Amino acid sequence: MTQYFVYDSYVAAGRPKAEAAVMTYAQNNYMHSLISGAKLDAVVDDIKKYCAKILEENKRFAPVDIRLSDERYEWDGHRTLHIGQQSLRLRKVKLVIE
């Protein structure tokens, strides 16, 4: 079973308010977490639902592009979850030692 570890984030300066709020949500809920490869789409959907809630609450906020990098472009086990101009960085777990 493929697992990914959310190990880092990139936060851009001067980001729009909705993007900042969504990124904060994603960091608070997913940083330093193990996520099953089968659950990555569910994580993206959860972040998108949170974004939709924020946009519904404030019609002046701009939409945020939320997407997972294509697995075909994965390099050395790294994936990126894009949140506007920002991102969470994921790395494929090589081995779990318990």
PDB file of N, CA and C in Angstrom:
ATOM      1  N   MET A   1       0.847  -1.181   0.000  1.00  0.00           N
ATOM      2  CA  MET A   1       0.000   0.000   0.000  1.00  0.00           C
ATOM      3  C   MET A   1       0.892   1.243   0.000  1.00  0.00           C
ATOM      4  N   THR A   2       0.678   2.124  -0.951  1.00  0.00           N
ATOM      5  CA  THR A   2       1.444   3.353  -1.045  1.00  0.00           C
ATOM      6  C   THR A   2       0.932   4.362  -0.030  1.00  0.00           C
ATOM      7  N   GLN A   3       1.866   4.984   0.677  1.00  0.00           N
ATOM      8  CA  GLN A   3       1.535   6.045   1.620  1.00  0.00           C
ATOM      9  C   GLN A   3       2.411   7.248   1.319  1.00  0.00           C
ATOM     10  N   TYR A   4       1.873   8.426   1.655  1.00  0.00           N
ATOM     11  CA  TYR A   4       2.618   9.668   1.482  1.00  0.00           C
ATOM     12  C   TYR A   4       2.689  10.392   2.818  1.00  0.00           C
ATOM     13  N   PHE A   5       3.826  11.038   3.061  1.00  0.00           N
ATOM     14  CA  PHE A   5       4.014  11.843   4.257  1.00  0.00           C
ATOM     15  C   PHE A   5       4.015  13.306   3.838  1.00  0.00           C
ATOM     16  N   VAL A   6       3.189  14.119   4.476  1.00  0.00           N
ATOM     17  CA  VAL A   6       3.128  15.553   4.199  1.00  0.00           C
ATOM     18  C   VAL A   6       4.229  16.190   5.046  1.00  0.00           C
ATOM     19  N   TYR A   7       5.319  16.576   4.394  1.00  0.00           N
ATOM     20  CA  TYR A   7       6.507  16.983   5.135  1.00  0.00           C
ATOM     21  C   TYR A   7       6.812  18.474   5.114  1.00  0.00           C
ATOM     22  N   ASP A   8       6.205  19.245   4.219  1.00  0.00           N
ATOM     23  CA  ASP A   8       6.569  20.657   4.120  1.00  0.00           C
ATOM     24  C   ASP A   8       5.455  21.428   3.425  1.00  0.00           C
ATOM     25  N   SER A   9       5.533  22.738   3.538  1.00  0.00           N
ATOM     26  CA  SER A   9       4.588  23.592   2.830  1.00  0.00           C
ATOM     27  C   SER A   9       5.324  24.804   2.286  1.00  0.00           C
ATOM     28  N   TYR A  10       4.770  25.355   1.219  1.00  0.00           N
ATOM     29  CA  TYR A  10       5.288  26.594   0.654  1.00  0.00           C
ATOM     30  C   TYR A  10       4.167  27.616   0.761  1.00  0.00           C
ATOM     31  N   VAL A  11       4.444  28.724   1.425  1.00  0.00           N
ATOM     32  CA  VAL A  11       3.450  29.779   1.614  1.00  0.00           C
ATOM     33  C   VAL A  11       3.964  31.042   0.934  1.00  0.00           C
ATOM     34  N   ALA A  12       3.198  31.547  -0.018  1.00  0.00           N
ATOM     35  CA  ALA A  12       3.582  32.745  -0.757  1.00  0.00           C
ATOM     36  C   ALA A  12       3.165  34.001   0.006  1.00  0.00           C
ATOM     37  N   ALA A  13       3.944  35.045  -0.132  1.00  0.00           N
ATOM     38  CA  ALA A  13       3.613  36.326   0.492  1.00  0.00           C
ATOM     39  C   ALA A  13       2.532  37.028  -0.330  1.00  0.00           C
ATOM     40  N   GLY A  14       1.721  37.832   0.345  1.00  0.00           N
ATOM     41  CA  GLY A  14       0.711  38.627  -0.344  1.00  0.00           C
ATOM     42  C   GLY A  14      -0.379  37.809  -0.997  1.00  0.00           C
ATOM     43  N   ARG A  15      -0.742  36.722  -0.408  1.00  0.00           N
ATOM     44  CA  ARG A  15      -1.741  35.832  -0.997  1.00  0.00           C
ATOM     45  C   ARG A  15      -3.163  36.335  -0.736  1.00  0.00           C
ATOM     46  N   PRO A  16      -4.103  36.005  -1.617  1.00  0.00           N
ATOM     47  CA  PRO A  16      -5.499  36.399  -1.408  1.00  0.00           C
ATOM     48  C   PRO A  16      -6.055  35.760  -0.125  1.00  0.00           C
ATOM     49  N   LYS A  17      -7.064  36.393   0.463  1.00  0.00           N
ATOM     50  CA  LYS A  17      -7.604  35.948   1.753  1.00  0.00           C
ATOM     51  C   LYS A  17      -8.156  34.525   1.726  1.00  0.00           C
ATOM     52  N   ALA A  18      -8.888  34.176   0.682  1.00  0.00           N
ATOM     53  CA  ALA A  18      -9.438  32.814   0.605  1.00  0.00           C
ATOM     54  C   ALA A  18      -8.304  31.800   0.508  1.00  0.00           C
ATOM     55  N   GLU A  19      -7.312  32.097  -0.291  1.00  0.00           N
ATOM     56  CA  GLU A  19      -6.176  31.190  -0.440  1.00  0.00           C
ATOM     57  C   GLU A  19      -5.435  31.027   0.885  1.00  0.00           C
ATOM     58  N   ALA A  20      -5.252  32.129   1.601  1.00  0.00           N
ATOM     59  CA  ALA A  20      -4.582  32.068   2.910  1.00  0.00           C
ATOM     60  C   ALA A  20      -5.378  31.213   3.888  1.00  0.00           C
ATOM     61  N   ALA A  21      -6.690  31.382   3.904  1.00  0.00           N
ATOM     62  CA  ALA A  21      -7.537  30.611   4.822  1.00  0.00           C
ATOM     63  C   ALA A  21      -7.513  29.126   4.485  1.00  0.00           C
ATOM     64  N   VAL A  22      -7.570  28.805   3.205  1.00  0.00           N
ATOM     65  CA  VAL A  22      -7.563  27.399   2.774  1.00  0.00           C
ATOM     66  C   VAL A  22      -6.205  26.769   3.090  1.00  0.00           C
ATOM     67  N   MET A  23      -5.136  27.504   2.865  1.00  0.00           N
ATOM     68  CA  MET A  23      -3.803  26.976   3.161  1.00  0.00           C
ATOM     69  C   MET A  23      -3.640  26.728   4.660  1.00  0.00           C
ATOM     70  N   THR A  24      -4.118  27.636   5.481  1.00  0.00           N
ATOM     71  CA  THR A  24      -4.057  27.451   6.932  1.00  0.00           C
ATOM     72  C   THR A  24      -4.825  26.205   7.343  1.00  0.00           C
ATOM     73  N   TYR A  25      -6.008  26.013   6.771  1.00  0.00           N
ATOM     74  CA  TYR A  25      -6.810  24.816   7.038  1.00  0.00           C
ATOM     75  C   TYR A  25      -6.032  23.556   6.655  1.00  0.00           C
ATOM     76  N   ALA A  26      -5.445  23.562   5.460  1.00  0.00           N
ATOM     77  CA  ALA A  26      -4.702  22.395   4.981  1.00  0.00           C
ATOM     78  C   ALA A  26      -3.493  22.106   5.877  1.00  0.00           C
ATOM     79  N   GLN A  27      -2.775  23.138   6.270  1.00  0.00           N
ATOM     80  CA  GLN A  27      -1.628  22.938   7.156  1.00  0.00           C
ATOM     81  C   GLN A  27      -2.068  22.379   8.508  1.00  0.00           C
ATOM     82  N   ASN A  28      -3.104  22.959   9.085  1.00  0.00           N
ATOM     83  CA  ASN A  28      -3.572  22.518  10.403  1.00  0.00           C
ATOM     84  C   ASN A  28      -4.076  21.078  10.392  1.00  0.00           C
ATOM     85  N   ASN A  29      -4.629  20.644   9.273  1.00  0.00           N
ATOM     86  CA  ASN A  29      -5.233  19.311   9.217  1.00  0.00           C
ATOM     87  C   ASN A  29      -4.336  18.225   8.630  1.00  0.00           C
ATOM     88  N   TYR A  30      -3.350  18.605   7.821  1.00  0.00           N
ATOM     89  CA  TYR A  30      -2.602  17.577   7.101  1.00  0.00           C
ATOM     90  C   TYR A  30      -1.083  17.605   7.253  1.00  0.00           C
ATOM     91  N   MET A  31      -0.498  18.672   7.782  1.00  0.00           N
ATOM     92  CA  MET A  31       0.960  18.705   7.941  1.00  0.00           C
ATOM     93  C   MET A  31       1.419  17.577   8.851  1.00  0.00           C
ATOM     94  N   HIS A  32       2.528  16.968   8.479  1.00  0.00           N
ATOM     95  CA  HIS A  32       3.171  15.890   9.243  1.00  0.00           C
ATOM     96  C   HIS A  32       2.242  14.694   9.438  1.00  0.00           C
ATOM     97  N   SER A  33       1.465  14.404   8.398  1.00  0.00           N
ATOM     98  CA  SER A  33       0.534  13.276   8.431  1.00  0.00           C
ATOM     99  C   SER A  33       0.909  12.250   7.371  1.00  0.00           C
ATOM    100  N   LEU A  34       0.559  10.999   7.641  1.00  0.00           N
ATOM    101  CA  LEU A  34       0.654   9.940   6.643  1.00  0.00           C
ATOM    102  C   LEU A  34      -0.704   9.819   5.967  1.00  0.00           C
ATOM    103  N   ILE A  35      -0.691   9.791   4.654  1.00  0.00           N
ATOM    104  CA  ILE A  35      -1.939   9.666   3.895  1.00  0.00           C
ATOM    105  C   ILE A  35      -1.782   8.511   2.916  1.00  0.00           C
ATOM    106  N   SER A  36      -2.736   7.617   2.916  1.00  0.00           N
ATOM    107  CA  SER A  36      -2.753   6.512   1.966  1.00  0.00           C
ATOM    108  C   SER A  36      -2.902   7.081   0.557  1.00  0.00           C
ATOM    109  N   GLY A  37      -2.189   6.473  -0.391  1.00  0.00           N
ATOM    110  CA  GLY A  37      -2.305   6.921  -1.778  1.00  0.00           C
ATOM    111  C   GLY A  37      -3.737   6.874  -2.272  1.00  0.00           C
ATOM    112  N   ALA A  38      -4.517   5.908  -1.768  1.00  0.00           N
ATOM    113  CA  ALA A  38      -5.922   5.783  -2.154  1.00  0.00           C
ATOM    114  C   ALA A  38      -6.777   6.907  -1.579  1.00  0.00           C
ATOM    115  N   LYS A  39      -6.300   7.592  -0.557  1.00  0.00           N
ATOM    116  CA  LYS A  39      -7.062   8.658   0.100  1.00  0.00           C
ATOM    117  C   LYS A  39      -6.657  10.064  -0.350  1.00  0.00           C
ATOM    118  N   LEU A  40      -5.683  10.179  -1.245  1.00  0.00           N
ATOM    119  CA  LEU A  40      -5.229  11.500  -1.671  1.00  0.00           C
ATOM    120  C   LEU A  40      -6.362  12.316  -2.294  1.00  0.00           C
ATOM    121  N   ASP A  41      -7.169  11.673  -3.129  1.00  0.00           N
ATOM    122  CA  ASP A  41      -8.294  12.398  -3.749  1.00  0.00           C
ATOM    123  C   ASP A  41      -9.294  12.859  -2.702  1.00  0.00           C
ATOM    124  N   ALA A  42      -9.502  12.067  -1.653  1.00  0.00           N
ATOM    125  CA  ALA A  42     -10.416  12.457  -0.576  1.00  0.00           C
ATOM    126  C   ALA A  42      -9.879  13.678   0.177  1.00  0.00           C
ATOM    127  N   VAL A  43      -8.573  13.750   0.342  1.00  0.00           N
ATOM    128  CA  VAL A  43      -7.959  14.908   1.000  1.00  0.00           C
ATOM    129  C   VAL A  43      -8.167  16.156   0.136  1.00  0.00           C
ATOM    130  N   VAL A  44      -7.929  16.026  -1.157  1.00  0.00           N
ATOM    131  CA  VAL A  44      -8.143  17.151  -2.074  1.00  0.00           C
ATOM    132  C   VAL A  44      -9.610  17.579  -2.025  1.00  0.00           C
ATOM    133  N   ASP A  45     -10.531  16.632  -2.024  1.00  0.00           N
ATOM    134  CA  ASP A  45     -11.964  16.953  -1.952  1.00  0.00           C
ATOM    135  C   ASP A  45     -12.315  17.662  -0.644  1.00  0.00           C
ATOM    136  N   ASP A  46     -11.714  17.230   0.467  1.00  0.00           N
ATOM    137  CA  ASP A  46     -11.960  17.871   1.751  1.00  0.00           C
ATOM    138  C   ASP A  46     -11.510  19.327   1.725  1.00  0.00           C
ATOM    139  N   ILE A  47     -10.345  19.585   1.159  1.00  0.00           N
ATOM    140  CA  ILE A  47      -9.831  20.953   1.077  1.00  0.00           C
ATOM    141  C   ILE A  47     -10.714  21.783   0.152  1.00  0.00           C
ATOM    142  N   LYS A  48     -11.175  21.191  -0.953  1.00  0.00           N
ATOM    143  CA  LYS A  48     -12.071  21.902  -1.872  1.00  0.00           C
ATOM    144  C   LYS A  48     -13.402  22.242  -1.198  1.00  0.00           C
ATOM    145  N   LYS A  49     -13.917  21.323  -0.374  1.00  0.00           N
ATOM    146  CA  LYS A  49     -15.175  21.590   0.346  1.00  0.00           C
ATOM    147  C   LYS A  49     -15.001  22.739   1.324  1.00  0.00           C
ATOM    148  N   TYR A  50     -13.862  22.768   2.006  1.00  0.00           N
ATOM    149  CA  TYR A  50     -13.594  23.874   2.926  1.00  0.00           C
ATOM    150  C   TYR A  50     -13.518  25.187   2.143  1.00  0.00           C
ATOM    151  N   CYS A  51     -12.869  25.160   0.998  1.00  0.00           N
ATOM    152  CA  CYS A  51     -12.770  26.352   0.160  1.00  0.00           C
ATOM    153  C   CYS A  51     -14.156  26.819  -0.289  1.00  0.00           C
ATOM    154  N   ALA A  52     -15.004  25.892  -0.703  1.00  0.00           N
ATOM    155  CA  ALA A  52     -16.368  26.240  -1.133  1.00  0.00           C
ATOM    156  C   ALA A  52     -17.143  26.890   0.010  1.00  0.00           C
ATOM    157  N   LYS A  53     -16.949  26.387   1.217  1.00  0.00           N
ATOM    158  CA  LYS A  53     -17.619  26.957   2.395  1.00  0.00           C
ATOM    159  C   LYS A  53     -17.171  28.397   2.614  1.00  0.00           C
ATOM    160  N   ILE A  54     -15.879  28.637   2.501  1.00  0.00           N
ATOM    161  CA  ILE A  54     -15.339  29.996   2.689  1.00  0.00           C
ATOM    162  C   ILE A  54     -15.860  30.938   1.606  1.00  0.00           C
ATOM    163  N   LEU A  55     -15.892  30.453   0.367  1.00  0.00           N
ATOM    164  CA  LEU A  55     -16.371  31.286  -0.736  1.00  0.00           C
ATOM    165  C   LEU A  55     -17.854  31.591  -0.586  1.00  0.00           C
ATOM    166  N   GLU A  56     -18.615  30.652  -0.056  1.00  0.00           N
ATOM    167  CA  GLU A  56     -20.051  30.866   0.178  1.00  0.00           C
ATOM    168  C   GLU A  56     -20.266  31.922   1.258  1.00  0.00           C
ATOM    169  N   GLU A  57     -19.408  31.911   2.277  1.00  0.00           N
ATOM    170  CA  GLU A  57     -19.535  32.860   3.388  1.00  0.00           C
ATOM    171  C   GLU A  57     -19.132  34.268   2.995  1.00  0.00           C
ATOM    172  N   ASN A  58     -18.236  34.403   2.024  1.00  0.00           N
ATOM    173  CA  ASN A  58     -17.790  35.725   1.588  1.00  0.00           C
ATOM    174  C   ASN A  58     -17.694  35.760   0.070  1.00  0.00           C
ATOM    175  N   LYS A  59     -18.690  36.330  -0.547  1.00  0.00           N
ATOM    176  CA  LYS A  59     -18.797  36.356  -2.012  1.00  0.00           C
ATOM    177  C   LYS A  59     -17.690  37.176  -2.681  1.00  0.00           C
ATOM    178  N   ARG A  60     -16.978  37.993  -1.908  1.00  0.00           N
ATOM    179  CA  ARG A  60     -15.927  38.834  -2.481  1.00  0.00           C
ATOM    180  C   ARG A  60     -14.612  38.077  -2.658  1.00  0.00           C
ATOM    181  N   PHE A  61     -14.478  36.932  -2.028  1.00  0.00           N
ATOM    182  CA  PHE A  61     -13.255  36.152  -2.143  1.00  0.00           C
ATOM    183  C   PHE A  61     -13.142  35.544  -3.540  1.00  0.00           C
ATOM    184  N   ALA A  62     -11.916  35.455  -4.018  1.00  0.00           N
ATOM    185  CA  ALA A  62     -11.658  34.850  -5.329  1.00  0.00           C
ATOM    186  C   ALA A  62     -11.522  33.332  -5.181  1.00  0.00           C
ATOM    187  N   PRO A  63     -11.953  32.583  -6.191  1.00  0.00           N
ATOM    188  CA  PRO A  63     -11.805  31.127  -6.154  1.00  0.00           C
ATOM    189  C   PRO A  63     -10.333  30.721  -6.044  1.00  0.00           C
ATOM    190  N   VAL A  64     -10.100  29.532  -5.505  1.00  0.00           N
ATOM    191  CA  VAL A  64      -8.747  29.016  -5.313  1.00  0.00           C
ATOM    192  C   VAL A  64      -8.595  27.723  -6.109  1.00  0.00           C
ATOM    193  N   ASP A  65      -7.537  27.644  -6.899  1.00  0.00           N
ATOM    194  CA  ASP A  65      -7.244  26.429  -7.667  1.00  0.00           C
ATOM    195  C   ASP A  65      -6.591  25.419  -6.723  1.00  0.00           C
ATOM    196  N   ILE A  66      -7.258  24.295  -6.506  1.00  0.00           N
ATOM    197  CA  ILE A  66      -6.763  23.250  -5.611  1.00  0.00           C
ATOM    198  C   ILE A  66      -6.630  21.978  -6.432  1.00  0.00           C
ATOM    199  N   ARG A  67      -5.405  21.438  -6.492  1.00  0.00           N
ATOM    200  CA  ARG A  67      -5.186  20.240  -7.303  1.00  0.00           C
ATOM    201  C   ARG A  67      -3.931  19.513  -6.842  1.00  0.00           C
ATOM    202  N   LEU A  68      -3.917  18.241  -7.118  1.00  0.00           N
ATOM    203  CA  LEU A  68      -2.781  17.384  -6.806  1.00  0.00           C
ATOM    204  C   LEU A  68      -1.952  17.219  -8.070  1.00  0.00           C
ATOM    205  N   SER A  69      -0.638  17.285  -7.941  1.00  0.00           N
ATOM    206  CA  SER A  69       0.216  17.103  -9.118  1.00  0.00           C
ATOM    207  C   SER A  69      -0.024  15.716  -9.714  1.00  0.00           C
ATOM    208  N   ASP A  70       0.133  15.638 -11.001  1.00  0.00           N
ATOM    209  CA  ASP A  70      -0.076  14.387 -11.726  1.00  0.00           C
ATOM    210  C   ASP A  70       0.985  13.363 -11.314  1.00  0.00           C
ATOM    211  N   GLU A  71       0.546  12.171 -11.034  1.00  0.00           N
ATOM    212  CA  GLU A  71       1.467  11.111 -10.598  1.00  0.00           C
ATOM    213  C   GLU A  71       2.529  10.814 -11.657  1.00  0.00           C
ATOM    214  N   ARG A  72       2.209  11.065 -12.913  1.00  0.00           N
ATOM    215  CA  ARG A  72       3.182  10.827 -13.987  1.00  0.00           C
ATOM    216  C   ARG A  72       4.400  11.733 -13.856  1.00  0.00           C
ATOM    217  N   TYR A  73       4.211  12.893 -13.185  1.00  0.00           N
ATOM    218  CA  TYR A  73       5.308  13.849 -13.040  1.00  0.00           C
ATOM    219  C   TYR A  73       5.950  13.771 -11.664  1.00  0.00           C
ATOM    220  N   GLU A  74       5.654  12.717 -10.948  1.00  0.00           N
ATOM    221  CA  GLU A  74       6.255  12.501  -9.637  1.00  0.00           C
ATOM    222  C   GLU A  74       7.755  12.281  -9.833  1.00  0.00           C
ATOM    223  N   TRP A  75       8.558  12.948  -9.042  1.00  0.00           N
ATOM    224  CA  TRP A  75      10.008  12.750  -9.139  1.00  0.00           C
ATOM    225  C   TRP A  75      10.541  12.302  -7.784  1.00  0.00           C
ATOM    226  N   ASP A  76      11.259  11.234  -7.790  1.00  0.00           N
ATOM    227  CA  ASP A  76      11.882  10.692  -6.584  1.00  0.00           C
ATOM    228  C   ASP A  76      10.882  10.532  -5.437  1.00  0.00           C
ATOM    229  N   GLY A  77       9.631  10.164  -5.764  1.00  0.00           N
ATOM    230  CA  GLY A  77       8.621   9.937  -4.738  1.00  0.00           C
ATOM    231  C   GLY A  77       7.944  11.187  -4.213  1.00  0.00           C
ATOM    232  N   HIS A  78       8.172  12.342  -4.844  1.00  0.00           N
ATOM    233  CA  HIS A  78       7.563  13.598  -4.387  1.00  0.00           C
ATOM    234  C   HIS A  78       6.293  13.909  -5.168  1.00  0.00           C
ATOM    235  N   ARG A  79       5.290  14.430  -4.455  1.00  0.00           N
ATOM    236  CA  ARG A  79       4.058  14.938  -5.072  1.00  0.00           C
ATOM    237  C   ARG A  79       3.791  16.312  -4.472  1.00  0.00           C
ATOM    238  N   THR A  80       2.983  17.094  -5.133  1.00  0.00           N
ATOM    239  CA  THR A  80       2.638  18.425  -4.655  1.00  0.00           C
ATOM    240  C   THR A  80       1.133  18.594  -4.676  1.00  0.00           C
ATOM    241  N   LEU A  81       0.604  19.096  -3.575  1.00  0.00           N
ATOM    242  CA  LEU A  81      -0.806  19.453  -3.502  1.00  0.00           C
ATOM    243  C   LEU A  81      -0.860  20.979  -3.590  1.00  0.00           C
ATOM    244  N   HIS A  82      -1.287  21.472  -4.750  1.00  0.00           N
ATOM    245  CA  HIS A  82      -1.306  22.909  -5.021  1.00  0.00           C
ATOM    246  C   HIS A  82      -2.554  23.551  -4.431  1.00  0.00           C
ATOM    247  N   ILE A  83      -2.351  24.665  -3.749  1.00  0.00           N
ATOM    248  CA  ILE A  83      -3.449  25.464  -3.199  1.00  0.00           C
ATOM    249  C   ILE A  83      -3.180  26.889  -3.658  1.00  0.00           C
ATOM    250  N   GLY A  84      -3.730  27.231  -4.832  1.00  0.00           N
ATOM    251  CA  GLY A  84      -3.397  28.513  -5.442  1.00  0.00           C
ATOM    252  C   GLY A  84      -1.913  28.532  -5.766  1.00  0.00           C
ATOM    253  N   GLN A  85      -1.219  29.586  -5.315  1.00  0.00           N
ATOM    254  CA  GLN A  85       0.220  29.709  -5.546  1.00  0.00           C
ATOM    255  C   GLN A  85       1.041  28.992  -4.483  1.00  0.00           C
ATOM    256  N   GLN A  86       0.372  28.391  -3.524  1.00  0.00           N
ATOM    257  CA  GLN A  86       1.043  27.726  -2.411  1.00  0.00           C
ATOM    258  C   GLN A  86       0.930  26.221  -2.568  1.00  0.00           C
ATOM    259  N   SER A  87       1.574  25.490  -1.661  1.00  0.00           N
ATOM    260  CA  SER A  87       1.502  24.038  -1.803  1.00  0.00           C
ATOM    261  C   SER A  87       1.891  23.309  -0.525  1.00  0.00           C
ATOM    262  N   LEU A  88       1.404  22.081  -0.457  1.00  0.00           N
ATOM    263  CA  LEU A  88       1.875  21.115   0.527  1.00  0.00           C
ATOM    264  C   LEU A  88       2.740  20.134  -0.246  1.00  0.00           C
ATOM    265  N   ARG A  89       3.833  19.709   0.360  1.00  0.00           N
ATOM    266  CA  ARG A  89       4.735  18.776  -0.302  1.00  0.00           C
ATOM    267  C   ARG A  89       4.610  17.411   0.348  1.00  0.00           C
ATOM    268  N   LEU A  90       4.471  16.408  -0.498  1.00  0.00           N
ATOM    269  CA  LEU A  90       4.290  15.030  -0.038  1.00  0.00           C
ATOM    270  C   LEU A  90       5.436  14.174  -0.559  1.00  0.00           C
ATOM    271  N   ARG A  91       5.781  13.200   0.216  1.00  0.00           N
ATOM    272  CA  ARG A  91       6.831  12.258  -0.196  1.00  0.00           C
ATOM    273  C   ARG A  91       6.345  10.840   0.029  1.00  0.00           C
ATOM    274  N   LYS A  92       6.555  10.001  -0.970  1.00  0.00           N
ATOM    275  CA  LYS A  92       6.166   8.601  -0.869  1.00  0.00           C
ATOM    276  C   LYS A  92       6.975   7.942   0.255  1.00  0.00           C
ATOM    277  N   VAL A  93       6.276   7.210   1.123  1.00  0.00           N
ATOM    278  CA  VAL A  93       6.927   6.519   2.220  1.00  0.00           C
ATOM    279  C   VAL A  93       7.574   5.252   1.671  1.00  0.00           C
ATOM    280  N   LYS A  94       8.845   5.112   1.917  1.00  0.00           N
ATOM    281  CA  LYS A  94       9.592   3.977   1.409  1.00  0.00           C
ATOM    282  C   LYS A  94       9.411   2.748   2.289  1.00  0.00           C
ATOM    283  N   LEU A  95       9.392   2.971   3.612  1.00  0.00           N
ATOM    284  CA  LEU A  95       9.349   1.858   4.532  1.00  0.00           C
ATOM    285  C   LEU A  95       8.754   2.328   5.858  1.00  0.00           C
ATOM    286  N   VAL A  96       7.876   1.509   6.436  1.00  0.00           N
ATOM    287  CA  VAL A  96       7.323   1.794   7.758  1.00  0.00           C
ATOM    288  C   VAL A  96       7.925   0.795   8.722  1.00  0.00           C
ATOM    289  N   ILE A  97       8.603   1.308   9.729  1.00  0.00           N
ATOM    290  CA  ILE A  97       9.236   0.440  10.727  1.00  0.00           C
ATOM    291  C   ILE A  97       8.466   0.616  12.029  1.00  0.00           C
ATOM    292  N   GLU A  98       7.917  -0.470  12.538  1.00  0.00           N
ATOM    293  CA  GLU A  98       7.133  -0.387  13.769  1.00  0.00           C
ATOM    294  C   GLU A  98       7.784  -1.190  14.863  1.00  0.00           C
TER     295      GLU A  98
END
